[in-house]
Amino acid sequence: FPAVARDLAVVVDEDVAWARIEAAARSVPCDFRESLVFFDLYRGKQAGAGKKSLAFSIRFRHPDRTLTGEEVDAVMARTIAALERDCGATVRR
């Protein structure tokens, strides 16, 4: 069945490690998350003083059926909430 990939970039304090972000994202229960892969780090004016932006891709695939956009959107919303709560993250737009 086809996979669905979503990219997410978050801005966090400079001292927040990738491992903490990854742990928060993985703490969200999901039976169809296939992978979570870091791909970019940005430090600069747009991130803000004392901040950095980390981007990662989450890949979803269900073994028995095609996923709906609503299913993936719901997991992404819970993931963002966990990142906000556990890491003080804000989504970079």
C-alpha atoms as a PDB file:
ATOM      1  CA  PHE A   1       0.000   0.000   0.000  1.00  0.00           C
ATOM      2  CA  PRO A   2       1.261   3.520  -0.717  1.00  0.00           C
ATOM      3  CA  ALA A   3       3.156   5.493   1.884  1.00  0.00           C
ATOM      4  CA  VAL A   4       2.361   9.036   2.963  1.00  0.00           C
ATOM      5  CA  ALA A   5       5.275  11.345   3.820  1.00  0.00           C
ATOM      6  CA  ARG A   6       4.935  14.560   5.764  1.00  0.00           C
ATOM      7  CA  ASP A   7       7.716  17.019   6.486  1.00  0.00           C
ATOM      8  CA  LEU A   8       7.740  19.095   9.628  1.00  0.00           C
ATOM      9  CA  ALA A   9      10.054  21.918  10.721  1.00  0.00           C
ATOM     10  CA  VAL A  10      10.031  23.155  14.293  1.00  0.00           C
ATOM     11  CA  VAL A  11      11.789  26.014  16.035  1.00  0.00           C
ATOM     12  CA  VAL A  12      13.200  25.215  19.462  1.00  0.00           C
ATOM     13  CA  ASP A  13      15.649  26.690  21.946  1.00  0.00           C
ATOM     14  CA  GLU A  14      19.275  26.155  20.984  1.00  0.00           C
ATOM     15  CA  ASP A  15      19.841  23.666  23.823  1.00  0.00           C
ATOM     16  CA  VAL A  16      17.051  21.263  22.755  1.00  0.00           C
ATOM     17  CA  ALA A  17      18.696  18.175  21.258  1.00  0.00           C
ATOM     18  CA  TRP A  18      17.388  16.246  18.247  1.00  0.00           C
ATOM     19  CA  ALA A  19      17.064  13.160  20.474  1.00  0.00           C
ATOM     20  CA  ARG A  20      14.524  14.983  22.627  1.00  0.00           C
ATOM     21  CA  ILE A  21      12.511  16.073  19.592  1.00  0.00           C
ATOM     22  CA  GLU A  22      12.594  12.575  18.139  1.00  0.00           C
ATOM     23  CA  ALA A  23      11.518  11.042  21.457  1.00  0.00           C
ATOM     24  CA  ALA A  24       8.587  13.450  21.754  1.00  0.00           C
ATOM     25  CA  ALA A  25       7.452  12.712  18.192  1.00  0.00           C
ATOM     26  CA  ARG A  26       7.774   8.947  18.682  1.00  0.00           C
ATOM     27  CA  SER A  27       5.858   9.108  21.976  1.00  0.00           C
ATOM     28  CA  VAL A  28       2.661   9.677  20.004  1.00  0.00           C
ATOM     29  CA  PRO A  29       0.953   6.293  19.578  1.00  0.00           C
ATOM     30  CA  CYS A  30       0.730   5.292  15.926  1.00  0.00           C
ATOM     31  CA  ASP A  31       0.569   1.787  14.476  1.00  0.00           C
ATOM     32  CA  PHE A  32       1.363   2.964  10.967  1.00  0.00           C
ATOM     33  CA  ARG A  33       4.380   5.273  11.402  1.00  0.00           C
ATOM     34  CA  GLU A  34       7.087   3.703   9.254  1.00  0.00           C
ATOM     35  CA  SER A  35       9.977   6.112   9.844  1.00  0.00           C
ATOM     36  CA  LEU A  36      11.002   9.442  11.278  1.00  0.00           C
ATOM     37  CA  VAL A  37      14.145  10.964   9.732  1.00  0.00           C
ATOM     38  CA  PHE A  38      15.974  14.210  10.498  1.00  0.00           C
ATOM     39  CA  PHE A  39      17.065  16.114   7.366  1.00  0.00           C
ATOM     40  CA  ASP A  40      17.850  19.767   8.131  1.00  0.00           C
ATOM     41  CA  LEU A  41      19.168  22.136  10.759  1.00  0.00           C
ATOM     42  CA  TYR A  42      18.937  25.902  10.389  1.00  0.00           C
ATOM     43  CA  ARG A  43      20.401  28.570  12.627  1.00  0.00           C
ATOM     44  CA  GLY A  44      20.017  32.151  11.630  1.00  0.00           C
ATOM     45  CA  LYS A  45      17.994  35.304  11.583  1.00  0.00           C
ATOM     46  CA  GLN A  46      14.689  33.635  10.637  1.00  0.00           C
ATOM     47  CA  ALA A  47      14.916  31.141  13.525  1.00  0.00           C
ATOM     48  CA  GLY A  48      15.559  33.901  16.058  1.00  0.00           C
ATOM     49  CA  ALA A  49      18.196  34.591  18.679  1.00  0.00           C
ATOM     50  CA  GLY A  50      18.983  31.541  20.803  1.00  0.00           C
ATOM     51  CA  LYS A  51      16.796  29.362  18.568  1.00  0.00           C
ATOM     52  CA  LYS A  52      17.271  26.777  15.843  1.00  0.00           C
ATOM     53  CA  SER A  53      15.016  25.071  13.352  1.00  0.00           C
ATOM     54  CA  LEU A  54      15.080  21.316  12.862  1.00  0.00           C
ATOM     55  CA  ALA A  55      13.246  19.630   9.999  1.00  0.00           C
ATOM     56  CA  PHE A  56      12.320  15.992   9.682  1.00  0.00           C
ATOM     57  CA  SER A  57      10.191  13.710   7.590  1.00  0.00           C
ATOM     58  CA  ILE A  58       7.646  11.241   8.936  1.00  0.00           C
ATOM     59  CA  ARG A  59       6.599   8.382   6.696  1.00  0.00           C
ATOM     60  CA  PHE A  60       3.335   6.538   7.294  1.00  0.00           C
ATOM     61  CA  ARG A  61       2.171   3.268   5.764  1.00  0.00           C
ATOM     62  CA  HIS A  62      -0.510   0.820   6.840  1.00  0.00           C
ATOM     63  CA  PRO A  63       0.219  -2.825   6.047  1.00  0.00           C
ATOM     64  CA  ASP A  64      -3.387  -3.693   5.192  1.00  0.00           C
ATOM     65  CA  ARG A  65      -4.919  -0.672   3.483  1.00  0.00           C
ATOM     66  CA  THR A  66      -4.458   2.805   2.083  1.00  0.00           C
ATOM     67  CA  LEU A  67      -4.371   5.516   4.725  1.00  0.00           C
ATOM     68  CA  THR A  68      -6.703   8.483   4.596  1.00  0.00           C
ATOM     69  CA  GLY A  69      -5.501  12.053   4.818  1.00  0.00           C
ATOM     70  CA  GLU A  70      -7.597  12.489   7.943  1.00  0.00           C
ATOM     71  CA  GLU A  71      -5.785   9.637   9.717  1.00  0.00           C
ATOM     72  CA  VAL A  72      -2.384  11.114   8.939  1.00  0.00           C
ATOM     73  CA  ASP A  73      -3.527  14.649   9.801  1.00  0.00           C
ATOM     74  CA  ALA A  74      -4.723  13.443  13.212  1.00  0.00           C
ATOM     75  CA  VAL A  75      -1.344  11.848  14.015  1.00  0.00           C
ATOM     76  CA  MET A  76       0.469  14.973  12.817  1.00  0.00           C
ATOM     77  CA  ALA A  77      -1.709  17.171  15.058  1.00  0.00           C
ATOM     78  CA  ARG A  78      -0.944  14.962  18.079  1.00  0.00           C
ATOM     79  CA  THR A  79       2.754  14.991  17.141  1.00  0.00           C
ATOM     80  CA  ILE A  80       2.825  18.782  16.986  1.00  0.00           C
ATOM     81  CA  ALA A  81       1.047  18.976  20.349  1.00  0.00           C
ATOM     82  CA  ALA A  82       3.636  16.628  21.894  1.00  0.00           C
ATOM     83  CA  LEU A  83       6.504  18.695  20.458  1.00  0.00           C
ATOM     84  CA  GLU A  84       4.973  21.905  21.810  1.00  0.00           C
ATOM     85  CA  ARG A  85       4.401  20.364  25.237  1.00  0.00           C
ATOM     86  CA  ASP A  86       7.635  18.375  25.644  1.00  0.00           C
ATOM     87  CA  CYS A  87      10.129  20.564  23.757  1.00  0.00           C
ATOM     88  CA  GLY A  88       8.659  24.055  23.714  1.00  0.00           C
ATOM     89  CA  ALA A  89       8.592  23.788  19.922  1.00  0.00           C
ATOM     90  CA  THR A  90       6.706  25.947  17.476  1.00  0.00           C
ATOM     91  CA  VAL A  91       5.986  24.860  13.924  1.00  0.00           C
ATOM     92  CA  ARG A  92       8.030  26.738  11.356  1.00  0.00           C
ATOM     93  CA  ARG A  93       5.844  27.905   8.504  1.00  0.00           C
END
